[in-house]
Amino acid sequence: MRAGDLRHRCTLLSYAEIKDELGQPSKEWIDLGKLWAEINIPSGRMYMAASQMQAQVSAEINIRYRKDVRAGQRLRHHATLYEIIAPLPSNQRDMLKLMCKTVTLNE
């Protein structure tokens, strides 16, 4: 993959248990670092949920290979959050294709 294709600056997020200032455990999304990605939006769909029209967009996101990427983590690109459904490594283990869906902040 050419470096020019990786033109979207994203942040990798993971849901982790941390200790607050009082030493109490709490869970929140923490920043694992920034990375360059290629975001492709091949499909989207509309559906009814809770008497409201909802939109879900599926995305394929290509990044350089990282060992710490897992299903359930998230990528943030500007104001858009993508939940990683499946990280699929290439045969050469130089790239990861992330199968993702968009999420809203309250999910």
PDB file of N, CA and C in Angstrom:
ATOM      1  N   MET A   1       0.833  -1.173   0.000  1.00  0.00           N
ATOM      2  CA  MET A   1       0.000   0.000   0.000  1.00  0.00           C
ATOM      3  C   MET A   1       0.879   1.238   0.000  1.00  0.00           C
ATOM      4  N   ARG A   2       0.517   2.193  -0.821  1.00  0.00           N
ATOM      5  CA  ARG A   2       1.246   3.450  -0.863  1.00  0.00           C
ATOM      6  C   ARG A   2       0.906   4.286   0.363  1.00  0.00           C
ATOM      7  N   ALA A   3       1.872   5.032   0.856  1.00  0.00           N
ATOM      8  CA  ALA A   3       1.654   5.859   2.048  1.00  0.00           C
ATOM      9  C   ALA A   3       0.603   6.929   1.794  1.00  0.00           C
ATOM     10  N   GLY A   4       0.434   7.379   0.557  1.00  0.00           N
ATOM     11  CA  GLY A   4      -0.563   8.403   0.239  1.00  0.00           C
ATOM     12  C   GLY A   4      -1.990   7.956   0.494  1.00  0.00           C
ATOM     13  N   ASP A   5      -2.234   6.652   0.452  1.00  0.00           N
ATOM     14  CA  ASP A   5      -3.582   6.143   0.733  1.00  0.00           C
ATOM     15  C   ASP A   5      -3.935   6.294   2.211  1.00  0.00           C
ATOM     16  N   LEU A   6      -2.953   6.287   3.079  1.00  0.00           N
ATOM     17  CA  LEU A   6      -3.174   6.418   4.517  1.00  0.00           C
ATOM     18  C   LEU A   6      -3.203   7.906   4.866  1.00  0.00           C
ATOM     19  N   ARG A   7      -4.311   8.558   4.541  1.00  0.00           N
ATOM     20  CA  ARG A   7      -4.386  10.007   4.672  1.00  0.00           C
ATOM     21  C   ARG A   7      -5.303  10.490   5.787  1.00  0.00           C
ATOM     22  N   HIS A   8      -5.937   9.579   6.518  1.00  0.00           N
ATOM     23  CA  HIS A   8      -6.836   9.946   7.604  1.00  0.00           C
ATOM     24  C   HIS A   8      -6.129   9.739   8.943  1.00  0.00           C
ATOM     25  N   ARG A   9      -6.019  10.802   9.733  1.00  0.00           N
ATOM     26  CA  ARG A   9      -5.377  10.706  11.057  1.00  0.00           C
ATOM     27  C   ARG A   9      -6.431  10.281  12.058  1.00  0.00           C
ATOM     28  N   CYS A  10      -6.239   9.136  12.699  1.00  0.00           N
ATOM     29  CA  CYS A  10      -7.216   8.557  13.621  1.00  0.00           C
ATOM     30  C   CYS A  10      -6.579   8.321  14.985  1.00  0.00           C
ATOM     31  N   THR A  11      -7.441   8.113  15.974  1.00  0.00           N
ATOM     32  CA  THR A  11      -7.016   7.769  17.321  1.00  0.00           C
ATOM     33  C   THR A  11      -7.591   6.412  17.678  1.00  0.00           C
ATOM     34  N   LEU A  12      -6.757   5.497  18.152  1.00  0.00           N
ATOM     35  CA  LEU A  12      -7.194   4.179  18.591  1.00  0.00           C
ATOM     36  C   LEU A  12      -7.587   4.267  20.062  1.00  0.00           C
ATOM     37  N   LEU A  13      -8.804   3.784  20.399  1.00  0.00           N
ATOM     38  CA  LEU A  13      -9.329   3.846  21.755  1.00  0.00           C
ATOM     39  C   LEU A  13      -9.627   2.445  22.271  1.00  0.00           C
ATOM     40  N   SER A  14      -9.419   2.239  23.572  1.00  0.00           N
ATOM     41  CA  SER A  14      -9.720   0.964  24.196  1.00  0.00           C
ATOM     42  C   SER A  14     -10.465   1.221  25.499  1.00  0.00           C
ATOM     43  N   TYR A  15     -11.444   0.361  25.812  1.00  0.00           N
ATOM     44  CA  TYR A  15     -12.222   0.473  27.037  1.00  0.00           C
ATOM     45  C   TYR A  15     -11.453  -0.254  28.128  1.00  0.00           C
ATOM     46  N   ALA A  16     -11.031   0.478  29.146  1.00  0.00           N
ATOM     47  CA  ALA A  16     -10.168  -0.119  30.161  1.00  0.00           C
ATOM     48  C   ALA A  16     -10.572   0.343  31.550  1.00  0.00           C
ATOM     49  N   GLU A  17     -10.207  -0.463  32.520  1.00  0.00           N
ATOM     50  CA  GLU A  17     -10.445  -0.097  33.915  1.00  0.00           C
ATOM     51  C   GLU A  17      -9.237   0.678  34.419  1.00  0.00           C
ATOM     52  N   ILE A  18      -9.510   1.868  34.942  1.00  0.00           N
ATOM     53  CA  ILE A  18      -8.451   2.700  35.498  1.00  0.00           C
ATOM     54  C   ILE A  18      -8.844   3.111  36.910  1.00  0.00           C
ATOM     55  N   LYS A  19      -7.941   3.693  37.632  1.00  0.00           N
ATOM     56  CA  LYS A  19      -8.237   4.186  38.983  1.00  0.00           C
ATOM     57  C   LYS A  19      -8.393   5.697  38.919  1.00  0.00           C
ATOM     58  N   ASP A  20      -9.453   6.208  39.567  1.00  0.00           N
ATOM     59  CA  ASP A  20      -9.647   7.652  39.616  1.00  0.00           C
ATOM     60  C   ASP A  20      -8.758   8.268  40.693  1.00  0.00           C
ATOM     61  N   GLU A  21      -8.911   9.567  40.927  1.00  0.00           N
ATOM     62  CA  GLU A  21      -8.029  10.257  41.884  1.00  0.00           C
ATOM     63  C   GLU A  21      -8.207   9.784  43.322  1.00  0.00           C
ATOM     64  N   LEU A  22      -9.344   9.118  43.619  1.00  0.00           N
ATOM     65  CA  LEU A  22      -9.563   8.561  44.957  1.00  0.00           C
ATOM     66  C   LEU A  22      -9.141   7.095  45.061  1.00  0.00           C
ATOM     67  N   GLY A  23      -8.623   6.544  43.968  1.00  0.00           N
ATOM     68  CA  GLY A  23      -8.182   5.159  43.968  1.00  0.00           C
ATOM     69  C   GLY A  23      -9.281   4.155  43.667  1.00  0.00           C
ATOM     70  N   GLN A  24     -10.459   4.652  43.307  1.00  0.00           N
ATOM     71  CA  GLN A  24     -11.580   3.775  42.985  1.00  0.00           C
ATOM     72  C   GLN A  24     -11.498   3.345  41.521  1.00  0.00           C
ATOM     73  N   PRO A  25     -11.793   2.077  41.235  1.00  0.00           N
ATOM     74  CA  PRO A  25     -11.756   1.640  39.841  1.00  0.00           C
ATOM     75  C   PRO A  25     -12.934   2.212  39.054  1.00  0.00           C
ATOM     76  N   SER A  26     -12.658   2.611  37.832  1.00  0.00           N
ATOM     77  CA  SER A  26     -13.713   3.065  36.923  1.00  0.00           C
ATOM     78  C   SER A  26     -13.315   2.654  35.513  1.00  0.00           C
ATOM     79  N   LYS A  27     -14.306   2.493  34.650  1.00  0.00           N
ATOM     80  CA  LYS A  27     -14.047   2.097  33.271  1.00  0.00           C
ATOM     81  C   LYS A  27     -14.308   3.291  32.361  1.00  0.00           C
ATOM     82  N   GLU A  28     -13.402   3.484  31.417  1.00  0.00           N
ATOM     83  CA  GLU A  28     -13.580   4.548  30.438  1.00  0.00           C
ATOM     84  C   GLU A  28     -12.724   4.265  29.211  1.00  0.00           C
ATOM     85  N   TRP A  29     -12.994   5.002  28.138  1.00  0.00           N
ATOM     86  CA  TRP A  29     -12.231   4.851  26.912  1.00  0.00           C
ATOM     87  C   TRP A  29     -10.919   5.602  27.060  1.00  0.00           C
ATOM     88  N   ILE A  30      -9.804   4.895  26.829  1.00  0.00           N
ATOM     89  CA  ILE A  30      -8.495   5.530  26.912  1.00  0.00           C
ATOM     90  C   ILE A  30      -7.848   5.549  25.528  1.00  0.00           C
ATOM     91  N   ASP A  31      -7.013   6.509  25.328  1.00  0.00           N
ATOM     92  CA  ASP A  31      -6.326   6.736  24.066  1.00  0.00           C
ATOM     93  C   ASP A  31      -5.091   5.835  24.001  1.00  0.00           C
ATOM     94  N   LEU A  32      -5.017   4.971  22.959  1.00  0.00           N
ATOM     95  CA  LEU A  32      -3.857   4.092  22.773  1.00  0.00           C
ATOM     96  C   LEU A  32      -2.842   4.674  21.798  1.00  0.00           C
ATOM     97  N   GLY A  33      -3.192   5.772  21.161  1.00  0.00           N
ATOM     98  CA  GLY A  33      -2.258   6.404  20.236  1.00  0.00           C
ATOM     99  C   GLY A  33      -2.905   6.802  18.929  1.00  0.00           C
ATOM    100  N   LYS A  34      -2.167   7.577  18.169  1.00  0.00           N
ATOM    101  CA  LYS A  34      -2.631   8.050  16.863  1.00  0.00           C
ATOM    102  C   LYS A  34      -2.032   7.166  15.775  1.00  0.00           C
ATOM    103  N   LEU A  35      -2.760   7.055  14.665  1.00  0.00           N
ATOM    104  CA  LEU A  35      -2.286   6.272  13.533  1.00  0.00           C
ATOM    105  C   LEU A  35      -2.869   6.839  12.248  1.00  0.00           C
ATOM    106  N   TRP A  36      -2.244   6.481  11.141  1.00  0.00           N
ATOM    107  CA  TRP A  36      -2.731   6.881   9.823  1.00  0.00           C
ATOM    108  C   TRP A  36      -3.557   5.738   9.247  1.00  0.00           C
ATOM    109  N   ALA A  37      -4.658   6.090   8.586  1.00  0.00           N
ATOM    110  CA  ALA A  37      -5.576   5.072   8.077  1.00  0.00           C
ATOM    111  C   ALA A  37      -6.150   5.483   6.729  1.00  0.00           C
ATOM    112  N   GLU A  38      -6.641   4.482   6.007  1.00  0.00           N
ATOM    113  CA  GLU A  38      -7.425   4.689   4.792  1.00  0.00           C
ATOM    114  C   GLU A  38      -8.835   4.220   5.120  1.00  0.00           C
ATOM    115  N   ILE A  39      -9.812   5.131   5.048  1.00  0.00           N
ATOM    116  CA  ILE A  39     -11.193   4.807   5.411  1.00  0.00           C
ATOM    117  C   ILE A  39     -12.021   4.674   4.147  1.00  0.00           C
ATOM    118  N   ASN A  40     -12.652   3.510   3.968  1.00  0.00           N
ATOM    119  CA  ASN A  40     -13.560   3.240   2.851  1.00  0.00           C
ATOM    120  C   ASN A  40     -14.932   2.929   3.424  1.00  0.00           C
ATOM    121  N   ILE A  41     -15.956   3.553   2.860  1.00  0.00           N
ATOM    122  CA  ILE A  41     -17.330   3.327   3.316  1.00  0.00           C
ATOM    123  C   ILE A  41     -18.084   2.596   2.187  1.00  0.00           C
ATOM    124  N   PRO A  42     -18.029   1.260   2.171  1.00  0.00           N
ATOM    125  CA  PRO A  42     -18.672   0.537   1.081  1.00  0.00           C
ATOM    126  C   PRO A  42     -20.180   0.377   1.229  1.00  0.00           C
ATOM    127  N   SER A  43     -20.727   0.487   2.462  1.00  0.00           N
ATOM    128  CA  SER A  43     -22.165   0.266   2.597  1.00  0.00           C
ATOM    129  C   SER A  43     -22.727   1.024   3.789  1.00  0.00           C
ATOM    130  N   GLY A  44     -24.028   1.187   3.769  1.00  0.00           N
ATOM    131  CA  GLY A  44     -24.740   1.810   4.879  1.00  0.00           C
ATOM    132  C   GLY A  44     -26.179   1.336   4.839  1.00  0.00           C
ATOM    133  N   ARG A  45     -26.898   1.501   5.944  1.00  0.00           N
ATOM    134  CA  ARG A  45     -28.291   1.084   5.954  1.00  0.00           C
ATOM    135  C   ARG A  45     -29.061   1.927   6.953  1.00  0.00           C
ATOM    136  N   MET A  46     -30.366   2.004   6.748  1.00  0.00           N
ATOM    137  CA  MET A  46     -31.270   2.704   7.649  1.00  0.00           C
ATOM    138  C   MET A  46     -32.186   1.653   8.272  1.00  0.00           C
ATOM    139  N   TYR A  47     -32.529   1.816   9.553  1.00  0.00           N
ATOM    140  CA  TYR A  47     -33.421   0.876  10.217  1.00  0.00           C
ATOM    141  C   TYR A  47     -34.183   1.599  11.317  1.00  0.00           C
ATOM    142  N   MET A  48     -35.323   1.004  11.702  1.00  0.00           N
ATOM    143  CA  MET A  48     -36.138   1.565  12.763  1.00  0.00           C
ATOM    144  C   MET A  48     -35.737   0.921  14.088  1.00  0.00           C
ATOM    145  N   ALA A  49     -35.508   1.745  15.097  1.00  0.00           N
ATOM    146  CA  ALA A  49     -35.215   1.263  16.448  1.00  0.00           C
ATOM    147  C   ALA A  49     -35.749   2.297  17.419  1.00  0.00           C
ATOM    148  N   ALA A  50     -36.516   1.824  18.390  1.00  0.00           N
ATOM    149  CA  ALA A  50     -37.110   2.697  19.407  1.00  0.00           C
ATOM    150  C   ALA A  50     -37.918   3.804  18.746  1.00  0.00           C
ATOM    151  N   SER A  51     -38.675   3.441  17.716  1.00  0.00           N
ATOM    152  CA  SER A  51     -39.554   4.363  16.984  1.00  0.00           C
ATOM    153  C   SER A  51     -38.807   5.532  16.356  1.00  0.00           C
ATOM    154  N   GLN A  52     -37.532   5.364  16.098  1.00  0.00           N
ATOM    155  CA  GLN A  52     -36.750   6.390  15.420  1.00  0.00           C
ATOM    156  C   GLN A  52     -35.958   5.758  14.297  1.00  0.00           C
ATOM    157  N   MET A  53     -35.770   6.534  13.252  1.00  0.00           N
ATOM    158  CA  MET A  53     -34.959   6.059  12.142  1.00  0.00           C
ATOM    159  C   MET A  53     -33.482   6.175  12.534  1.00  0.00           C
ATOM    160  N   GLN A  54     -32.744   5.088  12.422  1.00  0.00           N
ATOM    161  CA  GLN A  54     -31.334   5.043  12.776  1.00  0.00           C
ATOM    162  C   GLN A  54     -30.519   4.749  11.517  1.00  0.00           C
ATOM    163  N   ALA A  55     -29.295   5.214  11.496  1.00  0.00           N
ATOM    164  CA  ALA A  55     -28.393   4.934  10.375  1.00  0.00           C
ATOM    165  C   ALA A  55     -27.171   4.196  10.901  1.00  0.00           C
ATOM    166  N   GLN A  56     -26.774   3.177  10.167  1.00  0.00           N
ATOM    167  CA  GLN A  56     -25.543   2.456  10.503  1.00  0.00           C
ATOM    168  C   GLN A  56     -24.704   2.364   9.244  1.00  0.00           C
ATOM    169  N   VAL A  57     -23.479   2.750   9.344  1.00  0.00           N
ATOM    170  CA  VAL A  57     -22.568   2.721   8.210  1.00  0.00           C
ATOM    171  C   VAL A  57     -21.485   1.705   8.508  1.00  0.00           C
ATOM    172  N   SER A  58     -21.248   0.813   7.582  1.00  0.00           N
ATOM    173  CA  SER A  58     -20.147  -0.138   7.708  1.00  0.00           C
ATOM    174  C   SER A  58     -18.942   0.446   6.996  1.00  0.00           C
ATOM    175  N   ALA A  59     -17.777   0.249   7.562  1.00  0.00           N
ATOM    176  CA  ALA A  59     -16.558   0.805   6.981  1.00  0.00           C
ATOM    177  C   ALA A  59     -15.454  -0.238   6.967  1.00  0.00           C
ATOM    178  N   GLU A  60     -14.608  -0.142   5.963  1.00  0.00           N
ATOM    179  CA  GLU A  60     -13.370  -0.910   5.904  1.00  0.00           C
ATOM    180  C   GLU A  60     -12.248   0.093   6.078  1.00  0.00           C
ATOM    181  N   ILE A  61     -11.445  -0.116   7.106  1.00  0.00           N
ATOM    182  CA  ILE A  61     -10.365   0.813   7.412  1.00  0.00           C
ATOM    183  C   ILE A  61      -9.047   0.059   7.349  1.00  0.00           C
ATOM    184  N   ASN A  62      -8.126   0.548   6.542  1.00  0.00           N
ATOM    185  CA  ASN A  62      -6.815  -0.070   6.396  1.00  0.00           C
ATOM    186  C   ASN A  62      -5.796   0.724   7.194  1.00  0.00           C
ATOM    187  N   ILE A  63      -5.005   0.027   8.011  1.00  0.00           N
ATOM    188  CA  ILE A  63      -3.935   0.643   8.778  1.00  0.00           C
ATOM    189  C   ILE A  63      -2.691  -0.233   8.665  1.00  0.00           C
ATOM    190  N   ARG A  64      -1.563   0.317   9.083  1.00  0.00           N
ATOM    191  CA  ARG A  64      -0.356  -0.513   9.171  1.00  0.00           C
ATOM    192  C   ARG A  64      -0.535  -1.525  10.303  1.00  0.00           C
ATOM    193  N   TYR A  65       0.131  -2.657  10.188  1.00  0.00           N
ATOM    194  CA  TYR A  65      -0.041  -3.741  11.153  1.00  0.00           C
ATOM    195  C   TYR A  65       0.372  -3.311  12.555  1.00  0.00           C
ATOM    196  N   ARG A  66      -0.496  -3.624  13.523  1.00  0.00           N
ATOM    197  CA  ARG A  66      -0.225  -3.430  14.950  1.00  0.00           C
ATOM    198  C   ARG A  66      -0.710  -4.667  15.681  1.00  0.00           C
ATOM    199  N   LYS A  67       0.044  -5.111  16.690  1.00  0.00           N
ATOM    200  CA  LYS A  67      -0.358  -6.289  17.465  1.00  0.00           C
ATOM    201  C   LYS A  67      -1.433  -5.977  18.483  1.00  0.00           C
ATOM    202  N   ASP A  68      -1.608  -4.714  18.867  1.00  0.00           N
ATOM    203  CA  ASP A  68      -2.511  -4.364  19.960  1.00  0.00           C
ATOM    204  C   ASP A  68      -3.937  -4.030  19.516  1.00  0.00           C
ATOM    205  N   VAL A  69      -4.282  -4.223  18.261  1.00  0.00           N
ATOM    206  CA  VAL A  69      -5.634  -3.927  17.779  1.00  0.00           C
ATOM    207  C   VAL A  69      -6.525  -5.145  17.983  1.00  0.00           C
ATOM    208  N   ARG A  70      -7.660  -4.936  18.650  1.00  0.00           N
ATOM    209  CA  ARG A  70      -8.591  -6.026  18.988  1.00  0.00           C
ATOM    210  C   ARG A  70     -10.015  -5.640  18.617  1.00  0.00           C
ATOM    211  N   ALA A  71     -10.862  -6.643  18.446  1.00  0.00           N
ATOM    212  CA  ALA A  71     -12.295  -6.404  18.247  1.00  0.00           C
ATOM    213  C   ALA A  71     -12.849  -5.746  19.510  1.00  0.00           C
ATOM    214  N   GLY A  72     -13.754  -4.801  19.337  1.00  0.00           N
ATOM    215  CA  GLY A  72     -14.342  -4.098  20.469  1.00  0.00           C
ATOM    216  C   GLY A  72     -13.686  -2.757  20.742  1.00  0.00           C
ATOM    217  N   GLN A  73     -12.482  -2.553  20.220  1.00  0.00           N
ATOM    218  CA  GLN A  73     -11.853  -1.248  20.364  1.00  0.00           C
ATOM    219  C   GLN A  73     -12.512  -0.278  19.386  1.00  0.00           C
ATOM    220  N   ARG A  74     -12.143   0.978  19.473  1.00  0.00           N
ATOM    221  CA  ARG A  74     -12.727   1.997  18.598  1.00  0.00           C
ATOM    222  C   ARG A  74     -11.642   2.833  17.950  1.00  0.00           C
ATOM    223  N   LEU A  75     -12.004   3.392  16.787  1.00  0.00           N
ATOM    224  CA  LEU A  75     -11.176   4.376  16.102  1.00  0.00           C
ATOM    225  C   LEU A  75     -11.986   5.662  16.028  1.00  0.00           C
ATOM    226  N   ARG A  76     -11.335   6.783  16.319  1.00  0.00           N
ATOM    227  CA  ARG A  76     -11.999   8.077  16.187  1.00  0.00           C
ATOM    228  C   ARG A  76     -11.322   8.850  15.066  1.00  0.00           C
ATOM    229  N   HIS A  77     -12.142   9.307  14.116  1.00  0.00           N
ATOM    230  CA  HIS A  77     -11.665  10.176  13.044  1.00  0.00           C
ATOM    231  C   HIS A  77     -12.537  11.418  13.067  1.00  0.00           C
ATOM    232  N   HIS A  78     -11.969  12.527  13.493  1.00  0.00           N
ATOM    233  CA  HIS A  78     -12.709  13.773  13.732  1.00  0.00           C
ATOM    234  C   HIS A  78     -13.851  13.484  14.699  1.00  0.00           C
ATOM    235  N   ALA A  79     -15.099  13.677  14.285  1.00  0.00           N
ATOM    236  CA  ALA A  79     -16.243  13.463  15.182  1.00  0.00           C
ATOM    237  C   ALA A  79     -16.878  12.087  14.993  1.00  0.00           C
ATOM    238  N   THR A  80     -16.320  11.249  14.134  1.00  0.00           N
ATOM    239  CA  THR A  80     -16.899   9.944  13.841  1.00  0.00           C
ATOM    240  C   THR A  80     -16.179   8.860  14.623  1.00  0.00           C
ATOM    241  N   LEU A  81     -16.964   7.993  15.276  1.00  0.00           N
ATOM    242  CA  LEU A  81     -16.419   6.847  15.999  1.00  0.00           C
ATOM    243  C   LEU A  81     -16.750   5.569  15.236  1.00  0.00           C
ATOM    244  N   TYR A  82     -15.763   4.712  15.080  1.00  0.00           N
ATOM    245  CA  TYR A  82     -15.942   3.410  14.438  1.00  0.00           C
ATOM    246  C   TYR A  82     -15.620   2.327  15.451  1.00  0.00           C
ATOM    247  N   GLU A  83     -16.519   1.357  15.609  1.00  0.00           N
ATOM    248  CA  GLU A  83     -16.250   0.201  16.452  1.00  0.00           C
ATOM    249  C   GLU A  83     -15.620  -0.886  15.600  1.00  0.00           C
ATOM    250  N   ILE A  84     -14.516  -1.434  16.059  1.00  0.00           N
ATOM    251  CA  ILE A  84     -13.819  -2.486  15.311  1.00  0.00           C
ATOM    252  C   ILE A  84     -14.526  -3.809  15.561  1.00  0.00           C
ATOM    253  N   ILE A  85     -15.066  -4.387  14.506  1.00  0.00           N
ATOM    254  CA  ILE A  85     -15.754  -5.680  14.578  1.00  0.00           C
ATOM    255  C   ILE A  85     -14.744  -6.815  14.407  1.00  0.00           C
ATOM    256  N   ALA A  86     -13.849  -6.670  13.424  1.00  0.00           N
ATOM    257  CA  ALA A  86     -12.846  -7.714  13.171  1.00  0.00           C
ATOM    258  C   ALA A  86     -11.600  -7.099  12.557  1.00  0.00           C
ATOM    259  N   PRO A  87     -10.428  -7.286  13.179  1.00  0.00           N
ATOM    260  CA  PRO A  87      -9.170  -6.889  12.548  1.00  0.00           C
ATOM    261  C   PRO A  87      -8.621  -8.054  11.727  1.00  0.00           C
ATOM    262  N   LEU A  88      -8.432  -7.855  10.443  1.00  0.00           N
ATOM    263  CA  LEU A  88      -7.987  -8.923   9.542  1.00  0.00           C
ATOM    264  C   LEU A  88      -6.590  -8.595   9.004  1.00  0.00           C
ATOM    265  N   PRO A  89      -5.554  -9.335   9.430  1.00  0.00           N
ATOM    266  CA  PRO A  89      -4.199  -9.053   8.944  1.00  0.00           C
ATOM    267  C   PRO A  89      -4.004  -9.558   7.514  1.00  0.00           C
ATOM    268  N   SER A  90      -3.129  -8.871   6.782  1.00  0.00           N
ATOM    269  CA  SER A  90      -2.774  -9.349   5.446  1.00  0.00           C
ATOM    270  C   SER A  90      -1.852 -10.560   5.592  1.00  0.00           C
ATOM    271  N   ASN A  91      -1.641 -11.275   4.491  1.00  0.00           N
ATOM    272  CA  ASN A  91      -0.780 -12.458   4.531  1.00  0.00           C
ATOM    273  C   ASN A  91       0.657 -12.115   4.904  1.00  0.00           C
ATOM    274  N   GLN A  92       1.109 -10.933   4.520  1.00  0.00           N
ATOM    275  CA  GLN A  92       2.475 -10.515   4.825  1.00  0.00           C
ATOM    276  C   GLN A  92       2.576  -9.886   6.212  1.00  0.00           C
ATOM    277  N   ARG A  93       1.470  -9.712   6.905  1.00  0.00           N
ATOM    278  CA  ARG A  93       1.421  -9.074   8.225  1.00  0.00           C
ATOM    279  C   ARG A  93       2.018  -7.665   8.210  1.00  0.00           C
ATOM    280  N   ASP A  94       1.747  -6.937   7.110  1.00  0.00           N
ATOM    281  CA  ASP A  94       2.201  -5.556   7.056  1.00  0.00           C
ATOM    282  C   ASP A  94       1.029  -4.580   7.144  1.00  0.00           C
ATOM    283  N   MET A  95      -0.186  -5.061   6.916  1.00  0.00           N
ATOM    284  CA  MET A  95      -1.380  -4.217   6.960  1.00  0.00           C
ATOM    285  C   MET A  95      -2.490  -4.938   7.729  1.00  0.00           C
ATOM    286  N   LEU A  96      -3.400  -4.144   8.290  1.00  0.00           N
ATOM    287  CA  LEU A  96      -4.615  -4.665   8.918  1.00  0.00           C
ATOM    288  C   LEU A  96      -5.812  -4.055   8.227  1.00  0.00           C
ATOM    289  N   LYS A  97      -6.769  -4.885   7.861  1.00  0.00           N
ATOM    290  CA  LYS A  97      -8.053  -4.402   7.357  1.00  0.00           C
ATOM    291  C   LYS A  97      -9.021  -4.512   8.530  1.00  0.00           C
ATOM    292  N   LEU A  98      -9.547  -3.380   8.970  1.00  0.00           N
ATOM    293  CA  LEU A  98     -10.477  -3.347  10.102  1.00  0.00           C
ATOM    294  C   LEU A  98     -11.896  -3.269   9.577  1.00  0.00           C
ATOM    295  N   MET A  99     -12.690  -4.277   9.896  1.00  0.00           N
ATOM    296  CA  MET A  99     -14.112  -4.246   9.550  1.00  0.00           C
ATOM    297  C   MET A  99     -14.807  -3.520  10.704  1.00  0.00           C
ATOM    298  N   CYS A 100     -15.466  -2.412  10.414  1.00  0.00           N
ATOM    299  CA  CYS A 100     -15.995  -1.541  11.453  1.00  0.00           C
ATOM    300  C   CYS A 100     -17.440  -1.152  11.189  1.00  0.00           C
ATOM    301  N   LYS A 101     -18.065  -0.611  12.241  1.00  0.00           N
ATOM    302  CA  LYS A 101     -19.374   0.019  12.112  1.00  0.00           C
ATOM    303  C   LYS A 101     -19.313   1.332  12.885  1.00  0.00           C
ATOM    304  N   THR A 102     -20.125   2.283  12.456  1.00  0.00           N
ATOM    305  CA  THR A 102     -20.154   3.554  13.167  1.00  0.00           C
ATOM    306  C   THR A 102     -20.948   3.389  14.451  1.00  0.00           C
ATOM    307  N   VAL A 103     -20.587   4.153  15.470  1.00  0.00           N
ATOM    308  CA  VAL A 103     -21.302   4.122  16.746  1.00  0.00           C
ATOM    309  C   VAL A 103     -21.604   5.550  17.163  1.00  0.00           C
ATOM    310  N   THR A 104     -22.628   5.683  18.014  1.00  0.00           N
ATOM    311  CA  THR A 104     -22.936   6.992  18.580  1.00  0.00           C
ATOM    312  C   THR A 104     -22.298   7.077  19.954  1.00  0.00           C
ATOM    313  N   LEU A 105     -22.206   8.266  20.492  1.00  0.00           N
ATOM    314  CA  LEU A 105     -21.503   8.466  21.757  1.00  0.00           C
ATOM    315  C   LEU A 105     -22.146   7.763  22.941  1.00  0.00           C
ATOM    316  N   ASN A 106     -23.452   7.507  22.893  1.00  0.00           N
ATOM    317  CA  ASN A 106     -24.108   6.878  24.049  1.00  0.00           C
ATOM    318  C   ASN A 106     -24.080   5.361  23.991  1.00  0.00           C
ATOM    319  N   GLU A 107     -23.404   4.741  23.029  1.00  0.00           N
ATOM    320  CA  GLU A 107     -23.325   3.278  22.945  1.00  0.00           C
ATOM    321  C   GLU A 107     -22.164   2.771  23.744  1.00  0.00           C
TER     322      GLU A 107
END
